[in-house]
Amino acid sequence: MVGFGSYRYRTKSGRRGEYFVVGFSPRKSSLSLYGMTYAPESDALLEQLGKHKRGAGCLYVNRLADVDIEILEQLVAYNYPYILASLSS
């Protein structure tokens, strides 16, 4: 997994950890993209992204050639600061 930015979290059970704000993980079946679905602009951009599947909090892309890279860049540009702002409030 490769991530950018970081934040610390604590679960209801008291477990603590650190995680990245946005990132990706190459998997055998697809590329998993994390942190791309939270900003209000995300839904409209995802409609323009291209071939992908959406999971709980992440996107799955078979190949980068299947998606519009400029739209992917916009998803990162909107979601990264959105997530950081939501963590600080």
PDB file of N, CA and C in Angstrom:
ATOM      1  N   MET A   1       0.850  -1.174   0.000  1.00  0.00           N
ATOM      2  CA  MET A   1       0.000   0.000   0.000  1.00  0.00           C
ATOM      3  C   MET A   1       0.893   1.233   0.000  1.00  0.00           C
ATOM      4  N   VAL A   2       0.476   2.210  -0.775  1.00  0.00           N
ATOM      5  CA  VAL A   2       1.182   3.486  -0.833  1.00  0.00           C
ATOM      6  C   VAL A   2       0.177   4.564  -0.468  1.00  0.00           C
ATOM      7  N   GLY A   3       0.527   5.401   0.497  1.00  0.00           N
ATOM      8  CA  GLY A   3      -0.384   6.433   0.934  1.00  0.00           C
ATOM      9  C   GLY A   3       0.257   7.790   1.010  1.00  0.00           C
ATOM     10  N   PHE A   4      -0.577   8.799   1.029  1.00  0.00           N
ATOM     11  CA  PHE A   4      -0.121  10.179   1.099  1.00  0.00           C
ATOM     12  C   PHE A   4      -0.854  10.870   2.227  1.00  0.00           C
ATOM     13  N   GLY A   5      -0.126  11.610   3.040  1.00  0.00           N
ATOM     14  CA  GLY A   5      -0.698  12.230   4.215  1.00  0.00           C
ATOM     15  C   GLY A   5      -0.943  11.170   5.270  1.00  0.00           C
ATOM     16  N   SER A   6      -1.201  11.587   6.473  1.00  0.00           N
ATOM     17  CA  SER A   6      -1.506  10.614   7.523  1.00  0.00           C
ATOM     18  C   SER A   6      -2.359  11.256   8.600  1.00  0.00           C
ATOM     19  N   TYR A   7      -3.049  10.415   9.308  1.00  0.00           N
ATOM     20  CA  TYR A   7      -3.825  10.858  10.464  1.00  0.00           C
ATOM     21  C   TYR A   7      -3.859   9.720  11.477  1.00  0.00           C
ATOM     22  N   ARG A   8      -4.046  10.107  12.716  1.00  0.00           N
ATOM     23  CA  ARG A   8      -4.160   9.128  13.800  1.00  0.00           C
ATOM     24  C   ARG A   8      -5.636   8.945  14.119  1.00  0.00           C
ATOM     25  N   TYR A   9      -5.981   7.736  14.474  1.00  0.00           N
ATOM     26  CA  TYR A   9      -7.381   7.458  14.799  1.00  0.00           C
ATOM     27  C   TYR A   9      -7.443   6.609  16.073  1.00  0.00           C
ATOM     28  N   ARG A  10      -8.625   6.615  16.648  1.00  0.00           N
ATOM     29  CA  ARG A  10      -8.907   5.788  17.820  1.00  0.00           C
ATOM     30  C   ARG A  10     -10.294   5.208  17.635  1.00  0.00           C
ATOM     31  N   THR A  11     -10.408   3.888  17.743  1.00  0.00           N
ATOM     32  CA  THR A  11     -11.698   3.233  17.572  1.00  0.00           C
ATOM     33  C   THR A  11     -12.503   3.306  18.865  1.00  0.00           C
ATOM     34  N   LYS A  12     -13.761   2.939  18.784  1.00  0.00           N
ATOM     35  CA  LYS A  12     -14.620   2.943  19.977  1.00  0.00           C
ATOM     36  C   LYS A  12     -14.086   2.006  21.049  1.00  0.00           C
ATOM     37  N   SER A  13     -13.399   0.943  20.618  1.00  0.00           N
ATOM     38  CA  SER A  13     -12.856  -0.013  21.579  1.00  0.00           C
ATOM     39  C   SER A  13     -11.549   0.474  22.212  1.00  0.00           C
ATOM     40  N   GLY A  14     -11.039   1.619  21.737  1.00  0.00           N
ATOM     41  CA  GLY A  14      -9.815   2.171  22.300  1.00  0.00           C
ATOM     42  C   GLY A  14      -8.565   1.890  21.494  1.00  0.00           C
ATOM     43  N   ARG A  15      -8.677   1.078  20.470  1.00  0.00           N
ATOM     44  CA  ARG A  15      -7.517   0.777  19.617  1.00  0.00           C
ATOM     45  C   ARG A  15      -7.094   2.034  18.877  1.00  0.00           C
ATOM     46  N   ARG A  16      -5.788   2.260  18.816  1.00  0.00           N
ATOM     47  CA  ARG A  16      -5.251   3.428  18.138  1.00  0.00           C
ATOM     48  C   ARG A  16      -4.429   2.995  16.942  1.00  0.00           C
ATOM     49  N   GLY A  17      -4.345   3.870  15.967  1.00  0.00           N
ATOM     50  CA  GLY A  17      -3.550   3.567  14.795  1.00  0.00           C
ATOM     51  C   GLY A  17      -3.285   4.812  13.984  1.00  0.00           C
ATOM     52  N   GLU A  18      -2.595   4.600  12.878  1.00  0.00           N
ATOM     53  CA  GLU A  18      -2.305   5.683  11.943  1.00  0.00           C
ATOM     54  C   GLU A  18      -2.586   5.168  10.543  1.00  0.00           C
ATOM     55  N   TYR A  19      -3.172   6.019   9.711  1.00  0.00           N
ATOM     56  CA  TYR A  19      -3.550   5.606   8.368  1.00  0.00           C
ATOM     57  C   TYR A  19      -3.302   6.753   7.409  1.00  0.00           C
ATOM     58  N   PHE A  20      -3.223   6.446   6.135  1.00  0.00           N
ATOM     59  CA  PHE A  20      -3.006   7.506   5.153  1.00  0.00           C
ATOM     60  C   PHE A  20      -4.328   8.154   4.747  1.00  0.00           C
ATOM     61  N   VAL A  21      -4.239   9.370   4.219  1.00  0.00           N
ATOM     62  CA  VAL A  21      -5.428  10.116   3.822  1.00  0.00           C
ATOM     63  C   VAL A  21      -5.954   9.610   2.474  1.00  0.00           C
ATOM     64  N   VAL A  22      -5.098   9.551   1.481  1.00  0.00           N
ATOM     65  CA  VAL A  22      -5.430   8.965   0.185  1.00  0.00           C
ATOM     66  C   VAL A  22      -4.302   8.021  -0.198  1.00  0.00           C
ATOM     67  N   GLY A  23      -4.623   6.993  -0.966  1.00  0.00           N
ATOM     68  CA  GLY A  23      -3.582   6.058  -1.351  1.00  0.00           C
ATOM     69  C   GLY A  23      -4.084   5.002  -2.309  1.00  0.00           C
ATOM     70  N   PHE A  24      -3.190   4.063  -2.579  1.00  0.00           N
ATOM     71  CA  PHE A  24      -3.549   2.974  -3.485  1.00  0.00           C
ATOM     72  C   PHE A  24      -2.814   1.709  -3.100  1.00  0.00           C
ATOM     73  N   SER A  25      -3.342   0.618  -3.586  1.00  0.00           N
ATOM     74  CA  SER A  25      -2.740  -0.685  -3.346  1.00  0.00           C
ATOM     75  C   SER A  25      -2.936  -1.549  -4.581  1.00  0.00           C
ATOM     76  N   PRO A  26      -1.852  -1.991  -5.196  1.00  0.00           N
ATOM     77  CA  PRO A  26      -2.002  -2.900  -6.330  1.00  0.00           C
ATOM     78  C   PRO A  26      -2.395  -4.283  -5.821  1.00  0.00           C
ATOM     79  N   ARG A  27      -3.487  -4.797  -6.297  1.00  0.00           N
ATOM     80  CA  ARG A  27      -3.965  -6.125  -5.929  1.00  0.00           C
ATOM     81  C   ARG A  27      -3.909  -7.023  -7.152  1.00  0.00           C
ATOM     82  N   LYS A  28      -4.037  -8.293  -6.942  1.00  0.00           N
ATOM     83  CA  LYS A  28      -3.979  -9.235  -8.059  1.00  0.00           C
ATOM     84  C   LYS A  28      -5.082  -8.964  -9.079  1.00  0.00           C
ATOM     85  N   SER A  29      -6.281  -8.705  -8.597  1.00  0.00           N
ATOM     86  CA  SER A  29      -7.418  -8.530  -9.500  1.00  0.00           C
ATOM     87  C   SER A  29      -7.649  -7.087  -9.934  1.00  0.00           C
ATOM     88  N   SER A  30      -7.215  -6.110  -9.127  1.00  0.00           N
ATOM     89  CA  SER A  30      -7.464  -4.710  -9.462  1.00  0.00           C
ATOM     90  C   SER A  30      -6.579  -3.798  -8.626  1.00  0.00           C
ATOM     91  N   LEU A  31      -6.618  -2.530  -8.966  1.00  0.00           N
ATOM     92  CA  LEU A  31      -5.932  -1.498  -8.200  1.00  0.00           C
ATOM     93  C   LEU A  31      -6.957  -0.887  -7.255  1.00  0.00           C
ATOM     94  N   SER A  32      -6.666  -0.895  -5.962  1.00  0.00           N
ATOM     95  CA  SER A  32      -7.578  -0.308  -4.979  1.00  0.00           C
ATOM     96  C   SER A  32      -7.141   1.117  -4.699  1.00  0.00           C
ATOM     97  N   LEU A  33      -8.084   2.049  -4.783  1.00  0.00           N
ATOM     98  CA  LEU A  33      -7.819   3.466  -4.547  1.00  0.00           C
ATOM     99  C   LEU A  33      -8.603   3.898  -3.317  1.00  0.00           C
ATOM    100  N   TYR A  34      -7.911   4.455  -2.343  1.00  0.00           N
ATOM    101  CA  TYR A  34      -8.520   4.807  -1.059  1.00  0.00           C
ATOM    102  C   TYR A  34      -8.668   6.322  -0.910  1.00  0.00           C
ATOM    103  N   GLY A  35      -9.737   6.749  -0.259  1.00  0.00           N
ATOM    104  CA  GLY A  35      -9.951   8.155   0.051  1.00  0.00           C
ATOM    105  C   GLY A  35     -10.481   8.975  -1.103  1.00  0.00           C
ATOM    106  N   MET A  36     -11.140   8.350  -2.064  1.00  0.00           N
ATOM    107  CA  MET A  36     -11.599   9.062  -3.265  1.00  0.00           C
ATOM    108  C   MET A  36     -13.100   9.311  -3.300  1.00  0.00           C
ATOM    109  N   THR A  37     -13.818   8.970  -2.243  1.00  0.00           N
ATOM    110  CA  THR A  37     -15.284   8.990  -2.320  1.00  0.00           C
ATOM    111  C   THR A  37     -15.962   9.889  -1.289  1.00  0.00           C
ATOM    112  N   TYR A  38     -15.224  10.692  -0.552  1.00  0.00           N
ATOM    113  CA  TYR A  38     -15.809  11.400   0.576  1.00  0.00           C
ATOM    114  C   TYR A  38     -16.260  12.827   0.291  1.00  0.00           C
ATOM    115  N   ALA A  39     -15.556  13.562  -0.546  1.00  0.00           N
ATOM    116  CA  ALA A  39     -15.899  14.953  -0.831  1.00  0.00           C
ATOM    117  C   ALA A  39     -17.238  15.026  -1.568  1.00  0.00           C
ATOM    118  N   PRO A  40     -17.989  16.095  -1.363  1.00  0.00           N
ATOM    119  CA  PRO A  40     -19.293  16.231  -2.037  1.00  0.00           C
ATOM    120  C   PRO A  40     -19.187  16.160  -3.566  1.00  0.00           C
ATOM    121  N   GLU A  41     -18.073  16.573  -4.131  1.00  0.00           N
ATOM    122  CA  GLU A  41     -17.888  16.558  -5.584  1.00  0.00           C
ATOM    123  C   GLU A  41     -17.632  15.161  -6.141  1.00  0.00           C
ATOM    124  N   SER A  42     -17.353  14.209  -5.296  1.00  0.00           N
ATOM    125  CA  SER A  42     -16.929  12.876  -5.730  1.00  0.00           C
ATOM    126  C   SER A  42     -17.948  12.158  -6.602  1.00  0.00           C
ATOM    127  N   ASP A  43     -19.211  12.187  -6.235  1.00  0.00           N
ATOM    128  CA  ASP A  43     -20.221  11.440  -7.003  1.00  0.00           C
ATOM    129  C   ASP A  43     -20.267  11.875  -8.465  1.00  0.00           C
ATOM    130  N   ALA A  44     -20.267  13.179  -8.704  1.00  0.00           N
ATOM    131  CA  ALA A  44     -20.302  13.681 -10.082  1.00  0.00           C
ATOM    132  C   ALA A  44     -19.033  13.290 -10.836  1.00  0.00           C
ATOM    133  N   LEU A  45     -17.886  13.360 -10.164  1.00  0.00           N
ATOM    134  CA  LEU A  45     -16.633  12.988 -10.820  1.00  0.00           C
ATOM    135  C   LEU A  45     -16.565  11.492 -11.101  1.00  0.00           C
ATOM    136  N   LEU A  46     -17.089  10.685 -10.194  1.00  0.00           N
ATOM    137  CA  LEU A  46     -17.066   9.237 -10.398  1.00  0.00           C
ATOM    138  C   LEU A  46     -17.889   8.821 -11.611  1.00  0.00           C
ATOM    139  N   GLU A  47     -18.927   9.581 -11.921  1.00  0.00           N
ATOM    140  CA  GLU A  47     -19.722   9.294 -13.112  1.00  0.00           C
ATOM    141  C   GLU A  47     -18.906   9.494 -14.389  1.00  0.00           C
ATOM    142  N   GLN A  48     -17.895  10.349 -14.310  1.00  0.00           N
ATOM    143  CA  GLN A  48     -17.053  10.659 -15.472  1.00  0.00           C
ATOM    144  C   GLN A  48     -15.745   9.869 -15.484  1.00  0.00           C
ATOM    145  N   LEU A  49     -15.456   9.155 -14.412  1.00  0.00           N
ATOM    146  CA  LEU A  49     -14.155   8.508 -14.244  1.00  0.00           C
ATOM    147  C   LEU A  49     -13.859   7.444 -15.283  1.00  0.00           C
ATOM    148  N   GLY A  50     -14.825   6.640 -15.604  1.00  0.00           N
ATOM    149  CA  GLY A  50     -14.587   5.510 -16.491  1.00  0.00           C
ATOM    150  C   GLY A  50     -14.893   4.218 -15.760  1.00  0.00           C
ATOM    151  N   LYS A  51     -14.368   3.121 -16.267  1.00  0.00           N
ATOM    152  CA  LYS A  51     -14.682   1.793 -15.738  1.00  0.00           C
ATOM    153  C   LYS A  51     -14.057   1.582 -14.349  1.00  0.00           C
ATOM    154  N   HIS A  52     -14.911   1.449 -13.346  1.00  0.00           N
ATOM    155  CA  HIS A  52     -14.471   1.213 -11.975  1.00  0.00           C
ATOM    156  C   HIS A  52     -15.604   0.567 -11.186  1.00  0.00           C
ATOM    157  N   LYS A  53     -15.260   0.033 -10.051  1.00  0.00           N
ATOM    158  CA  LYS A  53     -16.244  -0.470  -9.093  1.00  0.00           C
ATOM    159  C   LYS A  53     -16.027   0.290  -7.806  1.00  0.00           C
ATOM    160  N   ARG A  54     -17.109   0.460  -7.083  1.00  0.00           N
ATOM    161  CA  ARG A  54     -17.043   1.215  -5.840  1.00  0.00           C
ATOM    162  C   ARG A  54     -17.302   0.294  -4.664  1.00  0.00           C
ATOM    163  N   GLY A  55     -16.438   0.361  -3.664  1.00  0.00           N
ATOM    164  CA  GLY A  55     -16.623  -0.412  -2.446  1.00  0.00           C
ATOM    165  C   GLY A  55     -16.920   0.523  -1.288  1.00  0.00           C
ATOM    166  N   ALA A  56     -16.863   0.010  -0.108  1.00  0.00           N
ATOM    167  CA  ALA A  56     -17.094   0.818   1.089  1.00  0.00           C
ATOM    168  C   ALA A  56     -15.853   1.653   1.373  1.00  0.00           C
ATOM    169  N   GLY A  57     -15.794   2.846   0.808  1.00  0.00           N
ATOM    170  CA  GLY A  57     -14.670   3.730   1.068  1.00  0.00           C
ATOM    171  C   GLY A  57     -13.532   3.639   0.074  1.00  0.00           C
ATOM    172  N   CYS A  58     -13.643   2.798  -0.927  1.00  0.00           N
ATOM    173  CA  CYS A  58     -12.565   2.719  -1.914  1.00  0.00           C
ATOM    174  C   CYS A  58     -13.113   2.428  -3.301  1.00  0.00           C
ATOM    175  N   LEU A  59     -12.240   2.625  -4.284  1.00  0.00           N
ATOM    176  CA  LEU A  59     -12.571   2.336  -5.677  1.00  0.00           C
ATOM    177  C   LEU A  59     -11.696   1.203  -6.152  1.00  0.00           C
ATOM    178  N   TYR A  60     -12.207   0.421  -7.077  1.00  0.00           N
ATOM    179  CA  TYR A  60     -11.439  -0.663  -7.679  1.00  0.00           C
ATOM    180  C   TYR A  60     -11.358  -0.405  -9.177  1.00  0.00           C
ATOM    181  N   VAL A  61     -10.152  -0.384  -9.695  1.00  0.00           N
ATOM    182  CA  VAL A  61      -9.898  -0.129 -11.106  1.00  0.00           C
ATOM    183  C   VAL A  61      -9.058  -1.283 -11.636  1.00  0.00           C
ATOM    184  N   ASN A  62      -9.477  -1.888 -12.731  1.00  0.00           N
ATOM    185  CA  ASN A  62      -8.694  -2.993 -13.295  1.00  0.00           C
ATOM    186  C   ASN A  62      -7.373  -2.511 -13.873  1.00  0.00           C
ATOM    187  N   ARG A  63      -7.434  -1.422 -14.657  1.00  0.00           N
ATOM    188  CA  ARG A  63      -6.239  -0.850 -15.261  1.00  0.00           C
ATOM    189  C   ARG A  63      -6.389   0.665 -15.291  1.00  0.00           C
ATOM    190  N   LEU A  64      -5.297   1.386 -15.139  1.00  0.00           N
ATOM    191  CA  LEU A  64      -5.366   2.837 -15.214  1.00  0.00           C
ATOM    192  C   LEU A  64      -5.844   3.300 -16.588  1.00  0.00           C
ATOM    193  N   ALA A  65      -5.602   2.508 -17.607  1.00  0.00           N
ATOM    194  CA  ALA A  65      -6.059   2.851 -18.956  1.00  0.00           C
ATOM    195  C   ALA A  65      -7.583   2.868 -19.041  1.00  0.00           C
ATOM    196  N   ASP A  66      -8.266   2.264 -18.075  1.00  0.00           N
ATOM    197  CA  ASP A  66      -9.731   2.216 -18.071  1.00  0.00           C
ATOM    198  C   ASP A  66     -10.374   3.490 -17.530  1.00  0.00           C
ATOM    199  N   VAL A  67      -9.579   4.374 -16.937  1.00  0.00           N
ATOM    200  CA  VAL A  67     -10.143   5.573 -16.309  1.00  0.00           C
ATOM    201  C   VAL A  67      -9.503   6.836 -16.886  1.00  0.00           C
ATOM    202  N   ASP A  68     -10.185   7.938 -16.688  1.00  0.00           N
ATOM    203  CA  ASP A  68      -9.694   9.248 -17.102  1.00  0.00           C
ATOM    204  C   ASP A  68      -8.768   9.768 -15.994  1.00  0.00           C
ATOM    205  N   ILE A  69      -7.486   9.868 -16.299  1.00  0.00           N
ATOM    206  CA  ILE A  69      -6.490  10.266 -15.301  1.00  0.00           C
ATOM    207  C   ILE A  69      -6.751  11.679 -14.775  1.00  0.00           C
ATOM    208  N   GLU A  70      -7.229  12.572 -15.618  1.00  0.00           N
ATOM    209  CA  GLU A  70      -7.528  13.933 -15.165  1.00  0.00           C
ATOM    210  C   GLU A  70      -8.654  13.937 -14.131  1.00  0.00           C
ATOM    211  N   ILE A  71      -9.635  13.093 -14.328  1.00  0.00           N
ATOM    212  CA  ILE A  71     -10.728  12.979 -13.346  1.00  0.00           C
ATOM    213  C   ILE A  71     -10.189  12.376 -12.053  1.00  0.00           C
ATOM    214  N   LEU A  72      -9.324  11.393 -12.151  1.00  0.00           N
ATOM    215  CA  LEU A  72      -8.704  10.798 -10.968  1.00  0.00           C
ATOM    216  C   LEU A  72      -7.903  11.843 -10.197  1.00  0.00           C
ATOM    217  N   GLU A  73      -7.184  12.684 -10.910  1.00  0.00           N
ATOM    218  CA  GLU A  73      -6.432  13.772 -10.262  1.00  0.00           C
ATOM    219  C   GLU A  73      -7.379  14.719  -9.531  1.00  0.00           C
ATOM    220  N   GLN A  74      -8.524  15.014 -10.147  1.00  0.00           N
ATOM    221  CA  GLN A  74      -9.503  15.881  -9.499  1.00  0.00           C
ATOM    222  C   GLN A  74     -10.076  15.230  -8.243  1.00  0.00           C
ATOM    223  N   LEU A  75     -10.295  13.929  -8.292  1.00  0.00           N
ATOM    224  CA  LEU A  75     -10.787  13.223  -7.100  1.00  0.00           C
ATOM    225  C   LEU A  75      -9.805  13.359  -5.947  1.00  0.00           C
ATOM    226  N   VAL A  76      -8.531  13.204  -6.229  1.00  0.00           N
ATOM    227  CA  VAL A  76      -7.513  13.376  -5.188  1.00  0.00           C
ATOM    228  C   VAL A  76      -7.507  14.822  -4.705  1.00  0.00           C
ATOM    229  N   ALA A  77      -7.541  15.771  -5.642  1.00  0.00           N
ATOM    230  CA  ALA A  77      -7.488  17.189  -5.297  1.00  0.00           C
ATOM    231  C   ALA A  77      -8.661  17.625  -4.423  1.00  0.00           C
ATOM    232  N   TYR A  78      -9.838  17.064  -4.618  1.00  0.00           N
ATOM    233  CA  TYR A  78     -10.994  17.404  -3.793  1.00  0.00           C
ATOM    234  C   TYR A  78     -11.017  16.630  -2.478  1.00  0.00           C
ATOM    235  N   ASN A  79     -10.688  15.349  -2.523  1.00  0.00           N
ATOM    236  CA  ASN A  79     -10.832  14.508  -1.333  1.00  0.00           C
ATOM    237  C   ASN A  79      -9.735  14.697  -0.299  1.00  0.00           C
ATOM    238  N   TYR A  80      -8.509  14.898  -0.719  1.00  0.00           N
ATOM    239  CA  TYR A  80      -7.412  15.043   0.243  1.00  0.00           C
ATOM    240  C   TYR A  80      -7.685  16.177   1.238  1.00  0.00           C
ATOM    241  N   PRO A  81      -7.918  17.423   0.772  1.00  0.00           N
ATOM    242  CA  PRO A  81      -8.189  18.483   1.753  1.00  0.00           C
ATOM    243  C   PRO A  81      -9.518  18.294   2.478  1.00  0.00           C
ATOM    244  N   TYR A  82     -10.503  17.696   1.817  1.00  0.00           N
ATOM    245  CA  TYR A  82     -11.798  17.463   2.456  1.00  0.00           C
ATOM    246  C   TYR A  82     -11.640  16.531   3.660  1.00  0.00           C
ATOM    247  N   ILE A  83     -10.892  15.454   3.471  1.00  0.00           N
ATOM    248  CA  ILE A  83     -10.689  14.504   4.565  1.00  0.00           C
ATOM    249  C   ILE A  83      -9.914  15.145   5.698  1.00  0.00           C
ATOM    250  N   LEU A  84      -8.841  15.880   5.369  1.00  0.00           N
ATOM    251  CA  LEU A  84      -8.062  16.553   6.417  1.00  0.00           C
ATOM    252  C   LEU A  84      -8.916  17.538   7.199  1.00  0.00           C
ATOM    253  N   ALA A  85      -9.761  18.303   6.506  1.00  0.00           N
ATOM    254  CA  ALA A  85     -10.619  19.275   7.180  1.00  0.00           C
ATOM    255  C   ALA A  85     -11.632  18.573   8.078  1.00  0.00           C
ATOM    256  N   SER A  86     -12.165  17.453   7.623  1.00  0.00           N
ATOM    257  CA  SER A  86     -13.154  16.736   8.437  1.00  0.00           C
ATOM    258  C   SER A  86     -12.513  16.105   9.667  1.00  0.00           C
ATOM    259  N   LEU A  87     -11.242  15.783   9.597  1.00  0.00           N
ATOM    260  CA  LEU A  87     -10.538  15.208  10.743  1.00  0.00           C
ATOM    261  C   LEU A  87     -10.248  16.260  11.809  1.00  0.00           C
ATOM    262  N   SER A  88     -10.042  17.498  11.379  1.00  0.00           N
ATOM    263  CA  SER A  88      -9.686  18.549  12.327  1.00  0.00           C
ATOM    264  C   SER A  88     -10.902  19.174  13.000  1.00  0.00           C
ATOM    265  N   SER A  89     -12.098  18.876  12.491  1.00  0.00           N
ATOM    266  CA  SER A  89     -13.295  19.471  13.099  1.00  0.00           C
ATOM    267  C   SER A  89     -13.896  18.579  14.149  1.00  0.00           C
TER     268      SER A  89
END
